[in-house]
Amino acid sequence: MRDIRELLTEKESELERVRKEIQSLHAVIPLLEDERPGFEPDRKPVSSAQVAGAASSGEDSKSSFWNFGRRQG
């Protein structure tokens, strides 16, 4: 069994590492937001279900577009 003090020291150092990572990510967020084309901070994030629905509806409109000039047989 591990010594409780050793375990506590290990967990504290892991916690400090994670805090530094979070601080670094917070510092980078504004830089990444500025690089995104068409970024609008007031927009809600798009869910994966909305993306899937848009993709499937896009396929239907694309196929109807390409079939528009064809003769009905």
PDB file of N, CA and C in Angstrom:
ATOM      1  N   MET A   1       0.841  -1.181   0.000  1.00  0.00           N
ATOM      2  CA  MET A   1       0.000   0.000   0.000  1.00  0.00           C
ATOM      3  C   MET A   1       0.886   1.244   0.000  1.00  0.00           C
ATOM      4  N   ARG A   2       0.439   2.266  -0.740  1.00  0.00           N
ATOM      5  CA  ARG A   2       1.227   3.496  -0.847  1.00  0.00           C
ATOM      6  C   ARG A   2       1.053   4.374   0.385  1.00  0.00           C
ATOM      7  N   ASP A   3       2.072   5.140   0.640  1.00  0.00           N
ATOM      8  CA  ASP A   3       2.021   6.090   1.746  1.00  0.00           C
ATOM      9  C   ASP A   3       1.031   7.202   1.393  1.00  0.00           C
ATOM     10  N   ILE A   4       0.180   7.570   2.315  1.00  0.00           N
ATOM     11  CA  ILE A   4      -0.870   8.563   2.072  1.00  0.00           C
ATOM     12  C   ILE A   4      -0.278   9.936   1.773  1.00  0.00           C
ATOM     13  N   ARG A   5       0.837  10.270   2.409  1.00  0.00           N
ATOM     14  CA  ARG A   5       1.484  11.565   2.153  1.00  0.00           C
ATOM     15  C   ARG A   5       2.053  11.617   0.732  1.00  0.00           C
ATOM     16  N   GLU A   6       2.619  10.518   0.296  1.00  0.00           N
ATOM     17  CA  GLU A   6       3.150  10.439  -1.072  1.00  0.00           C
ATOM     18  C   GLU A   6       2.017  10.593  -2.088  1.00  0.00           C
ATOM     19  N   LEU A   7       0.911   9.931  -1.837  1.00  0.00           N
ATOM     20  CA  LEU A   7      -0.243  10.024  -2.721  1.00  0.00           C
ATOM     21  C   LEU A   7      -0.786  11.450  -2.757  1.00  0.00           C
ATOM     22  N   LEU A   8      -0.873  12.085  -1.594  1.00  0.00           N
ATOM     23  CA  LEU A   8      -1.366  13.456  -1.516  1.00  0.00           C
ATOM     24  C   LEU A   8      -0.446  14.409  -2.279  1.00  0.00           C
ATOM     25  N   THR A   9       0.847  14.266  -2.124  1.00  0.00           N
ATOM     26  CA  THR A   9       1.806  15.099  -2.840  1.00  0.00           C
ATOM     27  C   THR A   9       1.670  14.909  -4.350  1.00  0.00           C
ATOM     28  N   GLU A  10       1.506  13.660  -4.785  1.00  0.00           N
ATOM     29  CA  GLU A  10       1.339  13.361  -6.210  1.00  0.00           C
ATOM     30  C   GLU A  10       0.078  14.009  -6.756  1.00  0.00           C
ATOM     31  N   LYS A  11      -1.025  13.899  -6.028  1.00  0.00           N
ATOM     32  CA  LYS A  11      -2.294  14.472  -6.476  1.00  0.00           C
ATOM     33  C   LYS A  11      -2.231  16.000  -6.510  1.00  0.00           C
ATOM     34  N   GLU A  12      -1.548  16.595  -5.549  1.00  0.00           N
ATOM     35  CA  GLU A  12      -1.412  18.047  -5.537  1.00  0.00           C
ATOM     36  C   GLU A  12      -0.606  18.538  -6.738  1.00  0.00           C
ATOM     37  N   SER A  13       0.443  17.807  -7.086  1.00  0.00           N
ATOM     38  CA  SER A  13       1.243  18.219  -8.243  1.00  0.00           C
ATOM     39  C   SER A  13       0.455  18.029  -9.540  1.00  0.00           C
ATOM     40  N   GLU A  14      -0.357  16.968  -9.623  1.00  0.00           N
ATOM     41  CA  GLU A  14      -1.217  16.774 -10.791  1.00  0.00           C
ATOM     42  C   GLU A  14      -2.237  17.905 -10.894  1.00  0.00           C
ATOM     43  N   LEU A  15      -2.806  18.291  -9.765  1.00  0.00           N
ATOM     44  CA  LEU A  15      -3.777  19.381  -9.734  1.00  0.00           C
ATOM     45  C   LEU A  15      -3.145  20.686 -10.204  1.00  0.00           C
ATOM     46  N   GLU A  16      -1.936  20.965  -9.752  1.00  0.00           N
ATOM     47  CA  GLU A  16      -1.238  22.175 -10.171  1.00  0.00           C
ATOM     48  C   GLU A  16      -0.948  22.152 -11.672  1.00  0.00           C
ATOM     49  N   ARG A  17      -0.586  20.993 -12.208  1.00  0.00           N
ATOM     50  CA  ARG A  17      -0.331  20.851 -13.644  1.00  0.00           C
ATOM     51  C   ARG A  17      -1.601  21.148 -14.438  1.00  0.00           C
ATOM     52  N   VAL A  18      -2.724  20.608 -13.984  1.00  0.00           N
ATOM     53  CA  VAL A  18      -3.997  20.835 -14.677  1.00  0.00           C
ATOM     54  C   VAL A  18      -4.394  22.306 -14.594  1.00  0.00           C
ATOM     55  N   ARG A  19      -4.160  22.943 -13.461  1.00  0.00           N
ATOM     56  CA  ARG A  19      -4.460  24.377 -13.327  1.00  0.00           C
ATOM     57  C   ARG A  19      -3.646  25.203 -14.324  1.00  0.00           C
ATOM     58  N   LYS A  20      -2.378  24.841 -14.491  1.00  0.00           N
ATOM     59  CA  LYS A  20      -1.534  25.561 -15.455  1.00  0.00           C
ATOM     60  C   LYS A  20      -2.022  25.332 -16.881  1.00  0.00           C
ATOM     61  N   GLU A  21      -2.452  24.117 -17.187  1.00  0.00           N
ATOM     62  CA  GLU A  21      -2.982  23.831 -18.521  1.00  0.00           C
ATOM     63  C   GLU A  21      -4.232  24.653 -18.792  1.00  0.00           C
ATOM     64  N   ILE A  22      -5.111  24.730 -17.811  1.00  0.00           N
ATOM     65  CA  ILE A  22      -6.345  25.513 -17.963  1.00  0.00           C
ATOM     66  C   ILE A  22      -6.013  26.981 -18.156  1.00  0.00           C
ATOM     67  N   GLN A  23      -5.071  27.495 -17.389  1.00  0.00           N
ATOM     68  CA  GLN A  23      -4.662  28.893 -17.523  1.00  0.00           C
ATOM     69  C   GLN A  23      -4.097  29.149 -18.918  1.00  0.00           C
ATOM     70  N   SER A  24      -3.312  28.226 -19.427  1.00  0.00           N
ATOM     71  CA  SER A  24      -2.756  28.370 -20.773  1.00  0.00           C
ATOM     72  C   SER A  24      -3.853  28.363 -21.825  1.00  0.00           C
ATOM     73  N   LEU A  25      -4.833  27.481 -21.663  1.00  0.00           N
ATOM     74  CA  LEU A  25      -5.939  27.421 -22.615  1.00  0.00           C
ATOM     75  C   LEU A  25      -6.757  28.714 -22.602  1.00  0.00           C
ATOM     76  N   HIS A  26      -6.976  29.268 -21.419  1.00  0.00           N
ATOM     77  CA  HIS A  26      -7.696  30.538 -21.331  1.00  0.00           C
ATOM     78  C   HIS A  26      -6.928  31.651 -22.039  1.00  0.00           C
ATOM     79  N   ALA A  27      -5.609  31.609 -21.997  1.00  0.00           N
ATOM     80  CA  ALA A  27      -4.798  32.618 -22.663  1.00  0.00           C
ATOM     81  C   ALA A  27      -4.864  32.478 -24.184  1.00  0.00           C
ATOM     82  N   VAL A  28      -5.056  31.269 -24.675  1.00  0.00           N
ATOM     83  CA  VAL A  28      -5.048  30.997 -26.113  1.00  0.00           C
ATOM     84  C   VAL A  28      -6.415  31.226 -26.756  1.00  0.00           C
ATOM     85  N   ILE A  29      -7.477  31.108 -26.007  1.00  0.00           N
ATOM     86  CA  ILE A  29      -8.832  31.219 -26.560  1.00  0.00           C
ATOM     87  C   ILE A  29      -9.029  32.482 -27.392  1.00  0.00           C
ATOM     88  N   PRO A  30      -8.676  33.660 -26.908  1.00  0.00           N
ATOM     89  CA  PRO A  30      -8.887  34.861 -27.737  1.00  0.00           C
ATOM     90  C   PRO A  30      -8.103  34.819 -29.049  1.00  0.00           C
ATOM     91  N   LEU A  31      -6.935  34.230 -29.019  1.00  0.00           N
ATOM     92  CA  LEU A  31      -6.144  34.136 -30.243  1.00  0.00           C
ATOM     93  C   LEU A  31      -6.816  33.226 -31.260  1.00  0.00           C
ATOM     94  N   LEU A  32      -7.366  32.127 -30.796  1.00  0.00           N
ATOM     95  CA  LEU A  32      -8.041  31.193 -31.701  1.00  0.00           C
ATOM     96  C   LEU A  32      -9.346  31.763 -32.223  1.00  0.00           C
ATOM     97  N   GLU A  33     -10.058  32.500 -31.411  1.00  0.00           N
ATOM     98  CA  GLU A  33     -11.312  33.104 -31.853  1.00  0.00           C
ATOM     99  C   GLU A  33     -11.072  34.108 -32.964  1.00  0.00           C
ATOM    100  N   ASP A  34      -9.997  34.847 -32.887  1.00  0.00           N
ATOM    101  CA  ASP A  34      -9.689  35.847 -33.910  1.00  0.00           C
ATOM    102  C   ASP A  34      -9.342  35.209 -35.240  1.00  0.00           C
ATOM    103  N   GLU A  35      -8.820  33.980 -35.237  1.00  0.00           N
ATOM    104  CA  GLU A  35      -8.415  33.308 -36.465  1.00  0.00           C
ATOM    105  C   GLU A  35      -9.568  32.647 -37.203  1.00  0.00           C
ATOM    106  N   ARG A  36     -10.675  32.403 -36.536  1.00  0.00           N
ATOM    107  CA  ARG A  36     -11.796  31.712 -37.167  1.00  0.00           C
ATOM    108  C   ARG A  36     -12.509  32.637 -38.136  1.00  0.00           C
ATOM    109  N   PRO A  37     -12.641  32.227 -39.398  1.00  0.00           N
ATOM    110  CA  PRO A  37     -13.366  33.070 -40.350  1.00  0.00           C
ATOM    111  C   PRO A  37     -14.850  33.093 -40.013  1.00  0.00           C
ATOM    112  N   GLY A  38     -15.423  34.262 -40.034  1.00  0.00           N
ATOM    113  CA  GLY A  38     -16.854  34.396 -39.771  1.00  0.00           C
ATOM    114  C   GLY A  38     -17.223  34.150 -38.333  1.00  0.00           C
ATOM    115  N   PHE A  39     -16.286  34.323 -37.411  1.00  0.00           N
ATOM    116  CA  PHE A  39     -16.585  34.070 -36.002  1.00  0.00           C
ATOM    117  C   PHE A  39     -17.551  35.115 -35.478  1.00  0.00           C
ATOM    118  N   GLU A  40     -18.614  34.644 -34.871  1.00  0.00           N
ATOM    119  CA  GLU A  40     -19.595  35.520 -34.252  1.00  0.00           C
ATOM    120  C   GLU A  40     -19.776  35.057 -32.818  1.00  0.00           C
ATOM    121  N   PRO A  41     -19.262  35.801 -31.836  1.00  0.00           N
ATOM    122  CA  PRO A  41     -19.297  35.349 -30.451  1.00  0.00           C
ATOM    123  C   PRO A  41     -20.700  35.165 -29.887  1.00  0.00           C
ATOM    124  N   ASP A  42     -21.720  35.781 -30.460  1.00  0.00           N
ATOM    125  CA  ASP A  42     -23.081  35.656 -29.942  1.00  0.00           C
ATOM    126  C   ASP A  42     -23.806  34.423 -30.454  1.00  0.00           C
ATOM    127  N   ARG A  43     -23.233  33.720 -31.436  1.00  0.00           N
ATOM    128  CA  ARG A  43     -23.898  32.550 -32.006  1.00  0.00           C
ATOM    129  C   ARG A  43     -23.811  31.373 -31.067  1.00  0.00           C
ATOM    130  N   LYS A  44     -24.837  30.546 -31.070  1.00  0.00           N
ATOM    131  CA  LYS A  44     -24.839  29.326 -30.274  1.00  0.00           C
ATOM    132  C   LYS A  44     -24.049  28.252 -31.012  1.00  0.00           C
ATOM    133  N   PRO A  45     -23.390  27.355 -30.269  1.00  0.00           N
ATOM    134  CA  PRO A  45     -22.667  26.272 -30.935  1.00  0.00           C
ATOM    135  C   PRO A  45     -23.626  25.336 -31.661  1.00  0.00           C
ATOM    136  N   VAL A  46     -23.173  24.749 -32.731  1.00  0.00           N
ATOM    137  CA  VAL A  46     -23.984  23.838 -33.521  1.00  0.00           C
ATOM    138  C   VAL A  46     -23.799  22.427 -32.980  1.00  0.00           C
ATOM    139  N   SER A  47     -24.902  21.722 -32.764  1.00  0.00           N
ATOM    140  CA  SER A  47     -24.807  20.356 -32.272  1.00  0.00           C
ATOM    141  C   SER A  47     -24.511  19.407 -33.421  1.00  0.00           C
ATOM    142  N   SER A  48     -24.036  18.226 -33.086  1.00  0.00           N
ATOM    143  CA  SER A  48     -23.725  17.236 -34.122  1.00  0.00           C
ATOM    144  C   SER A  48     -24.997  16.787 -34.832  1.00  0.00           C
ATOM    145  N   ALA A  49     -26.135  16.811 -34.155  1.00  0.00           N
ATOM    146  CA  ALA A  49     -27.398  16.432 -34.787  1.00  0.00           C
ATOM    147  C   ALA A  49     -27.791  17.462 -35.852  1.00  0.00           C
ATOM    148  N   GLN A  50     -27.539  18.746 -35.557  1.00  0.00           N
ATOM    149  CA  GLN A  50     -27.852  19.779 -36.532  1.00  0.00           C
ATOM    150  C   GLN A  50     -26.947  19.664 -37.751  1.00  0.00           C
ATOM    151  N   VAL A  51     -25.683  19.330 -37.524  1.00  0.00           N
ATOM    152  CA  VAL A  51     -24.745  19.175 -38.629  1.00  0.00           C
ATOM    153  C   VAL A  51     -25.161  17.998 -39.494  1.00  0.00           C
ATOM    154  N   ALA A  52     -25.547  16.889 -38.871  1.00  0.00           N
ATOM    155  CA  ALA A  52     -25.972  15.700 -39.620  1.00  0.00           C
ATOM    156  C   ALA A  52     -27.239  16.005 -40.420  1.00  0.00           C
ATOM    157  N   GLY A  53     -28.168  16.743 -39.821  1.00  0.00           N
ATOM    158  CA  GLY A  53     -29.397  17.097 -40.526  1.00  0.00           C
ATOM    159  C   GLY A  53     -29.126  18.007 -41.708  1.00  0.00           C
ATOM    160  N   ALA A  54     -28.216  18.949 -41.542  1.00  0.00           N
ATOM    161  CA  ALA A  54     -27.872  19.863 -42.640  1.00  0.00           C
ATOM    162  C   ALA A  54     -27.173  19.104 -43.759  1.00  0.00           C
ATOM    163  N   ALA A  55     -26.340  18.147 -43.397  1.00  0.00           N
ATOM    164  CA  ALA A  55     -25.630  17.369 -44.419  1.00  0.00           C
ATOM    165  C   ALA A  55     -26.602  16.519 -45.222  1.00  0.00           C
ATOM    166  N   SER A  56     -27.557  15.905 -44.543  1.00  0.00           N
ATOM    167  CA  SER A  56     -28.495  15.054 -45.282  1.00  0.00           C
ATOM    168  C   SER A  56     -29.430  15.893 -46.150  1.00  0.00           C
ATOM    169  N   SER A  57     -29.852  17.055 -45.664  1.00  0.00           N
ATOM    170  CA  SER A  57     -30.716  17.900 -46.495  1.00  0.00           C
ATOM    171  C   SER A  57     -29.926  18.495 -47.648  1.00  0.00           C
ATOM    172  N   GLY A  58     -28.629  18.728 -47.448  1.00  0.00           N
ATOM    173  CA  GLY A  58     -27.787  19.232 -48.524  1.00  0.00           C
ATOM    174  C   GLY A  58     -27.641  18.217 -49.639  1.00  0.00           C
ATOM    175  N   GLU A  59     -27.566  16.940 -49.299  1.00  0.00           N
ATOM    176  CA  GLU A  59     -27.452  15.903 -50.319  1.00  0.00           C
ATOM    177  C   GLU A  59     -28.712  15.844 -51.172  1.00  0.00           C
ATOM    178  N   ASP A  60     -29.890  15.970 -50.536  1.00  0.00           N
ATOM    179  CA  ASP A  60     -31.150  15.931 -51.283  1.00  0.00           C
ATOM    180  C   ASP A  60     -31.245  17.104 -52.252  1.00  0.00           C
ATOM    181  N   SER A  61     -30.882  18.293 -51.794  1.00  0.00           N
ATOM    182  CA  SER A  61     -30.982  19.457 -52.668  1.00  0.00           C
ATOM    183  C   SER A  61     -29.952  19.373 -53.785  1.00  0.00           C
ATOM    184  N   LYS A  62     -28.772  18.810 -53.491  1.00  0.00           N
ATOM    185  CA  LYS A  62     -27.749  18.680 -54.521  1.00  0.00           C
ATOM    186  C   LYS A  62     -28.212  17.710 -55.596  1.00  0.00           C
ATOM    187  N   SER A  63     -28.777  16.560 -55.205  1.00  0.00           N
ATOM    188  CA  SER A  63     -29.214  15.593 -56.208  1.00  0.00           C
ATOM    189  C   SER A  63     -30.375  16.151 -57.024  1.00  0.00           C
ATOM    190  N   SER A  64     -31.278  16.904 -56.407  1.00  0.00           N
ATOM    191  CA  SER A  64     -32.377  17.493 -57.170  1.00  0.00           C
ATOM    192  C   SER A  64     -31.858  18.588 -58.095  1.00  0.00           C
ATOM    193  N   PHE A  65     -30.825  19.272 -57.702  1.00  0.00           N
ATOM    194  CA  PHE A  65     -30.232  20.285 -58.564  1.00  0.00           C
ATOM    195  C   PHE A  65     -29.658  19.645 -59.826  1.00  0.00           C
ATOM    196  N   TRP A  66     -28.904  18.567 -59.661  1.00  0.00           N
ATOM    197  CA  TRP A  66     -28.265  17.926 -60.812  1.00  0.00           C
ATOM    198  C   TRP A  66     -29.277  17.203 -61.692  1.00  0.00           C
ATOM    199  N   ASN A  67     -30.404  16.811 -61.151  1.00  0.00           N
ATOM    200  CA  ASN A  67     -31.422  16.127 -61.917  1.00  0.00           C
ATOM    201  C   ASN A  67     -32.437  17.087 -62.543  1.00  0.00           C
ATOM    202  N   PHE A  68     -32.310  18.353 -62.293  1.00  0.00           N
ATOM    203  CA  PHE A  68     -33.289  19.329 -62.739  1.00  0.00           C
ATOM    204  C   PHE A  68     -33.423  19.340 -64.260  1.00  0.00           C
ATOM    205  N   GLY A  69     -32.335  19.304 -65.006  1.00  0.00           N
ATOM    206  CA  GLY A  69     -32.403  19.409 -66.458  1.00  0.00           C
ATOM    207  C   GLY A  69     -32.659  18.084 -67.177  1.00  0.00           C
ATOM    208  N   ARG A  70     -32.688  16.999 -66.441  1.00  0.00           N
ATOM    209  CA  ARG A  70     -32.869  15.702 -67.075  1.00  0.00           C
ATOM    210  C   ARG A  70     -34.335  15.454 -67.416  1.00  0.00           C
ATOM    211  N   ARG A  71     -34.542  14.703 -68.458  1.00  0.00           N
ATOM    212  CA  ARG A  71     -35.915  14.351 -68.851  1.00  0.00           C
ATOM    213  C   ARG A  71     -36.485  13.317 -67.899  1.00  0.00           C
ATOM    214  N   GLN A  72     -37.734  13.484 -67.632  1.00  0.00           N
ATOM    215  CA  GLN A  72     -38.420  12.487 -66.824  1.00  0.00           C
ATOM    216  C   GLN A  72     -38.865  11.352 -67.735  1.00  0.00           C
ATOM    217  N   GLY A  73     -38.560  10.133 -67.369  1.00  0.00           N
ATOM    218  CA  GLY A  73     -38.741   9.078 -68.286  1.00  0.00           C
ATOM    219  C   GLY A  73     -39.780   8.132 -68.179  1.00  0.00           C
TER     220      GLY A  73
END
